[in-house]
């Protein structure tokens, strides 16, 4: 799966690839990425959102829409945030 992940990220390309790598493989916050890349945090968040959508589309195209790749995207999801358990 790691090879497929790398291949799809390269296919998605910049500016999304670097932001996704920093966010999901280096576990950096939007603020940290923004400082490093000298862009607004909102731009980082938008690039993450748009980049993940492009990853999904690329994976759909490779699997004829069957979506066996869903588990691969869990690596991007990380732990839930902002949730409180009652």
N, C-alpha and C. Protein backbone atom coordinates (compact mmCIF):
# COMPACT_ATOMS: atom_id res chain seq x y z
N UNK A 1 0.81 -1.20 0.00
CA UNK A 1 0.00 0.00 0.00
C UNK A 1 0.86 1.26 0.00
N UNK A 2 2.02 1.21 0.63
CA UNK A 2 2.87 2.40 0.70
C UNK A 2 3.29 2.85 -0.70
N UNK A 3 3.59 1.90 -1.58
CA UNK A 3 3.97 2.25 -2.94
C UNK A 3 2.81 2.91 -3.67
N UNK A 4 1.61 2.38 -3.47
CA UNK A 4 0.43 2.96 -4.10
C UNK A 4 0.17 4.37 -3.57
N UNK A 5 0.33 4.54 -2.26
CA UNK A 5 0.14 5.86 -1.66
C UNK A 5 1.09 6.86 -2.27
N UNK A 6 2.36 6.51 -2.36
CA UNK A 6 3.38 7.41 -2.94
C UNK A 6 3.06 7.71 -4.39
N UNK A 7 2.68 6.70 -5.14
CA UNK A 7 2.36 6.86 -6.55
C UNK A 7 1.19 7.83 -6.75
N UNK A 8 0.15 7.66 -5.96
CA UNK A 8 -1.03 8.51 -6.08
C UNK A 8 -0.70 9.94 -5.65
N UNK A 9 0.09 10.11 -4.59
CA UNK A 9 0.47 11.45 -4.17
C UNK A 9 1.27 12.16 -5.26
N UNK A 10 2.16 11.43 -5.91
CA UNK A 10 2.92 12.03 -7.01
C UNK A 10 2.00 12.41 -8.16
N UNK A 11 1.00 11.60 -8.40
CA UNK A 11 0.02 11.86 -9.44
C UNK A 11 -0.79 13.13 -9.12
N UNK A 12 -1.16 13.28 -7.86
CA UNK A 12 -1.91 14.46 -7.42
C UNK A 12 -1.07 15.72 -7.61
N UNK A 13 0.21 15.60 -7.30
CA UNK A 13 1.14 16.70 -7.56
C UNK A 13 1.03 17.87 -6.61
N UNK A 14 1.83 18.85 -6.90
CA UNK A 14 1.87 20.06 -6.08
C UNK A 14 0.74 20.99 -6.48
N UNK A 15 0.29 21.82 -5.58
CA UNK A 15 0.79 22.09 -4.23
C UNK A 15 0.23 21.14 -3.18
N UNK A 16 -0.60 20.19 -3.60
CA UNK A 16 -1.28 19.31 -2.65
C UNK A 16 -0.35 18.26 -2.04
N UNK A 17 0.54 17.73 -2.85
CA UNK A 17 1.39 16.63 -2.40
C UNK A 17 2.19 17.02 -1.15
N UNK A 18 2.86 18.13 -1.16
CA UNK A 18 3.70 18.51 -0.02
C UNK A 18 2.87 18.73 1.24
N UNK A 19 1.75 19.40 1.09
CA UNK A 19 0.88 19.66 2.25
C UNK A 19 0.37 18.34 2.84
N UNK A 20 -0.05 17.41 1.99
CA UNK A 20 -0.53 16.12 2.48
C UNK A 20 0.58 15.34 3.17
N UNK A 21 1.78 15.37 2.61
CA UNK A 21 2.91 14.68 3.23
C UNK A 21 3.21 15.25 4.62
N UNK A 22 3.26 16.58 4.70
CA UNK A 22 3.56 17.22 5.99
C UNK A 22 2.45 16.94 7.00
N UNK A 23 1.22 16.99 6.57
CA UNK A 23 0.10 16.82 7.49
C UNK A 23 -0.05 15.38 7.96
N UNK A 24 -0.03 14.45 7.03
CA UNK A 24 -0.40 13.08 7.37
C UNK A 24 0.77 12.13 7.58
N UNK A 25 1.92 12.43 7.03
CA UNK A 25 3.07 11.55 7.25
C UNK A 25 4.03 12.12 8.29
N UNK A 26 4.03 13.45 8.44
CA UNK A 26 4.88 14.06 9.46
C UNK A 26 4.06 14.61 10.63
N UNK A 27 2.74 14.44 10.56
CA UNK A 27 1.82 14.82 11.63
C UNK A 27 1.97 16.27 12.07
N UNK A 28 2.12 17.16 11.10
CA UNK A 28 2.25 18.58 11.39
C UNK A 28 0.87 19.24 11.39
N UNK A 29 0.72 20.27 12.19
CA UNK A 29 -0.54 21.02 12.23
C UNK A 29 -0.60 21.97 11.04
N UNK A 30 -1.79 22.48 10.78
CA UNK A 30 -1.96 23.46 9.70
C UNK A 30 -1.10 24.69 9.97
N UNK A 31 -1.02 25.11 11.23
CA UNK A 31 -0.22 26.29 11.58
C UNK A 31 1.27 26.04 11.31
N UNK A 32 1.76 24.85 11.66
CA UNK A 32 3.17 24.53 11.41
C UNK A 32 3.48 24.49 9.92
N UNK A 33 2.58 23.88 9.16
CA UNK A 33 2.78 23.79 7.71
C UNK A 33 2.73 25.18 7.10
N UNK A 34 1.80 26.00 7.57
CA UNK A 34 1.68 27.37 7.06
C UNK A 34 2.98 28.15 7.27
N UNK A 35 3.55 28.02 8.47
CA UNK A 35 4.81 28.72 8.74
C UNK A 35 5.92 28.20 7.83
N UNK A 36 6.01 26.90 7.69
CA UNK A 36 7.08 26.32 6.88
C UNK A 36 6.97 26.72 5.41
N UNK A 37 5.75 26.70 4.89
CA UNK A 37 5.54 26.99 3.47
C UNK A 37 5.24 28.46 3.20
N UNK A 38 5.13 29.25 4.27
CA UNK A 38 4.86 30.69 4.16
C UNK A 38 3.55 30.95 3.40
N UNK A 39 2.50 30.24 3.85
CA UNK A 39 1.16 30.43 3.30
C UNK A 39 0.18 30.48 4.47
N UNK A 40 -1.01 31.03 4.27
CA UNK A 40 -1.99 31.11 5.36
C UNK A 40 -2.47 29.72 5.78
N UNK A 41 -2.79 29.53 7.07
CA UNK A 41 -3.31 28.25 7.55
C UNK A 41 -4.58 27.81 6.80
N UNK A 42 -5.41 28.76 6.42
CA UNK A 42 -6.62 28.42 5.66
C UNK A 42 -6.27 27.79 4.31
N UNK A 43 -5.20 28.25 3.71
CA UNK A 43 -4.75 27.66 2.45
C UNK A 43 -4.28 26.23 2.67
N UNK A 44 -3.60 26.00 3.79
CA UNK A 44 -3.16 24.64 4.13
C UNK A 44 -4.37 23.73 4.27
N UNK A 45 -5.38 24.19 5.01
CA UNK A 45 -6.57 23.37 5.20
C UNK A 45 -7.29 23.09 3.88
N UNK A 46 -7.37 24.09 3.02
CA UNK A 46 -8.03 23.91 1.73
C UNK A 46 -7.24 22.93 0.88
N UNK A 47 -5.91 23.05 0.87
CA UNK A 47 -5.09 22.13 0.08
C UNK A 47 -5.21 20.70 0.60
N UNK A 48 -5.32 20.53 1.91
CA UNK A 48 -5.54 19.19 2.47
C UNK A 48 -6.86 18.64 1.97
N UNK A 49 -7.91 19.43 2.08
CA UNK A 49 -9.23 18.99 1.65
C UNK A 49 -9.24 18.66 0.15
N UNK A 50 -8.76 19.57 -0.65
CA UNK A 50 -8.74 19.39 -2.10
C UNK A 50 -7.81 18.23 -2.49
N UNK A 51 -6.66 18.15 -1.83
CA UNK A 51 -5.71 17.08 -2.12
C UNK A 51 -6.30 15.71 -1.83
N UNK A 52 -6.98 15.57 -0.68
CA UNK A 52 -7.61 14.30 -0.36
C UNK A 52 -8.69 13.93 -1.36
N UNK A 53 -9.43 14.92 -1.84
CA UNK A 53 -10.45 14.67 -2.86
C UNK A 53 -9.78 14.17 -4.14
N UNK A 54 -8.66 14.77 -4.50
CA UNK A 54 -7.94 14.34 -5.70
C UNK A 54 -7.37 12.93 -5.53
N UNK A 55 -6.91 12.61 -4.33
CA UNK A 55 -6.44 11.26 -4.04
C UNK A 55 -7.59 10.27 -4.21
N UNK A 56 -8.75 10.62 -3.68
CA UNK A 56 -9.92 9.75 -3.80
C UNK A 56 -10.29 9.51 -5.26
N UNK A 57 -10.30 10.56 -6.05
CA UNK A 57 -10.64 10.44 -7.47
C UNK A 57 -9.61 9.56 -8.18
N UNK A 58 -8.32 9.77 -7.89
CA UNK A 58 -7.27 8.97 -8.52
C UNK A 58 -7.42 7.49 -8.15
N UNK A 59 -7.74 7.22 -6.90
CA UNK A 59 -7.92 5.83 -6.48
C UNK A 59 -9.17 5.23 -7.10
N UNK A 60 -10.24 6.02 -7.21
CA UNK A 60 -11.46 5.54 -7.88
C UNK A 60 -11.16 5.15 -9.33
N UNK A 61 -10.37 5.97 -10.01
CA UNK A 61 -10.05 5.70 -11.41
C UNK A 61 -9.26 4.41 -11.55
N UNK A 62 -8.42 4.12 -10.58
CA UNK A 62 -7.61 2.90 -10.63
C UNK A 62 -8.42 1.65 -10.31
N UNK A 63 -9.53 1.83 -9.62
CA UNK A 63 -10.30 0.65 -9.19
C UNK A 63 -11.68 0.59 -9.82
N UNK A 64 -11.89 1.31 -10.89
CA UNK A 64 -13.19 1.33 -11.58
C UNK A 64 -14.34 1.63 -10.64
N UNK A 65 -14.09 2.49 -9.65
CA UNK A 65 -15.14 2.91 -8.74
C UNK A 65 -15.51 1.90 -7.67
N UNK A 66 -14.81 0.79 -7.56
CA UNK A 66 -15.16 -0.23 -6.58
C UNK A 66 -14.74 0.15 -5.16
N UNK A 67 -13.83 1.04 -5.01
CA UNK A 67 -13.36 1.58 -3.73
C UNK A 67 -12.78 0.55 -2.76
N UNK A 68 -11.96 -0.38 -3.22
CA UNK A 68 -11.31 -1.29 -2.27
C UNK A 68 -10.21 -0.58 -1.49
N UNK A 69 -9.94 0.64 -1.86
CA UNK A 69 -8.86 1.43 -1.29
C UNK A 69 -9.28 2.20 -0.05
N UNK A 70 -10.52 2.13 0.37
CA UNK A 70 -11.01 2.95 1.49
C UNK A 70 -10.12 2.86 2.72
N UNK A 71 -9.65 1.67 3.03
CA UNK A 71 -8.77 1.50 4.20
C UNK A 71 -7.50 2.29 4.08
N UNK A 72 -7.00 2.48 2.84
CA UNK A 72 -5.80 3.26 2.62
C UNK A 72 -5.97 4.69 3.12
N UNK A 73 -7.14 5.25 2.92
CA UNK A 73 -7.37 6.63 3.34
C UNK A 73 -7.45 6.79 4.86
N UNK A 74 -7.63 5.70 5.57
CA UNK A 74 -7.65 5.79 7.03
C UNK A 74 -6.32 6.31 7.55
N UNK A 75 -5.24 6.05 6.83
CA UNK A 75 -3.94 6.59 7.23
C UNK A 75 -3.97 8.11 7.24
N UNK A 76 -4.76 8.70 6.36
CA UNK A 76 -4.87 10.15 6.30
C UNK A 76 -5.79 10.70 7.38
N UNK A 77 -6.69 9.89 7.86
CA UNK A 77 -7.72 10.37 8.78
C UNK A 77 -7.16 10.70 10.16
N UNK A 78 -6.28 9.88 10.68
CA UNK A 78 -5.74 10.12 12.01
C UNK A 78 -6.84 9.97 13.06
N UNK A 79 -6.51 10.24 14.30
CA UNK A 79 -7.51 10.10 15.37
C UNK A 79 -8.56 11.20 15.27
N UNK A 80 -9.78 10.93 15.69
CA UNK A 80 -10.82 11.96 15.68
C UNK A 80 -10.45 13.08 16.63
N UNK A 81 -10.78 14.29 16.25
CA UNK A 81 -10.50 15.45 17.11
C UNK A 81 -11.79 16.19 17.41
N UNK A 82 -11.80 16.85 18.55
CA UNK A 82 -12.95 17.67 18.91
C UNK A 82 -14.15 16.88 19.37
N UNK A 83 -13.98 15.60 19.61
CA UNK A 83 -15.09 14.77 20.06
C UNK A 83 -14.95 14.49 21.55
N UNK A 84 -16.04 14.62 22.24
CA UNK A 84 -16.04 14.28 23.65
C UNK A 84 -16.96 13.10 23.87
N UNK A 85 -16.47 12.13 24.58
CA UNK A 85 -17.30 10.96 24.87
C UNK A 85 -18.06 11.21 26.15
N UNK A 86 -19.34 10.92 26.14
CA UNK A 86 -20.17 11.13 27.32
C UNK A 86 -20.08 9.95 28.26
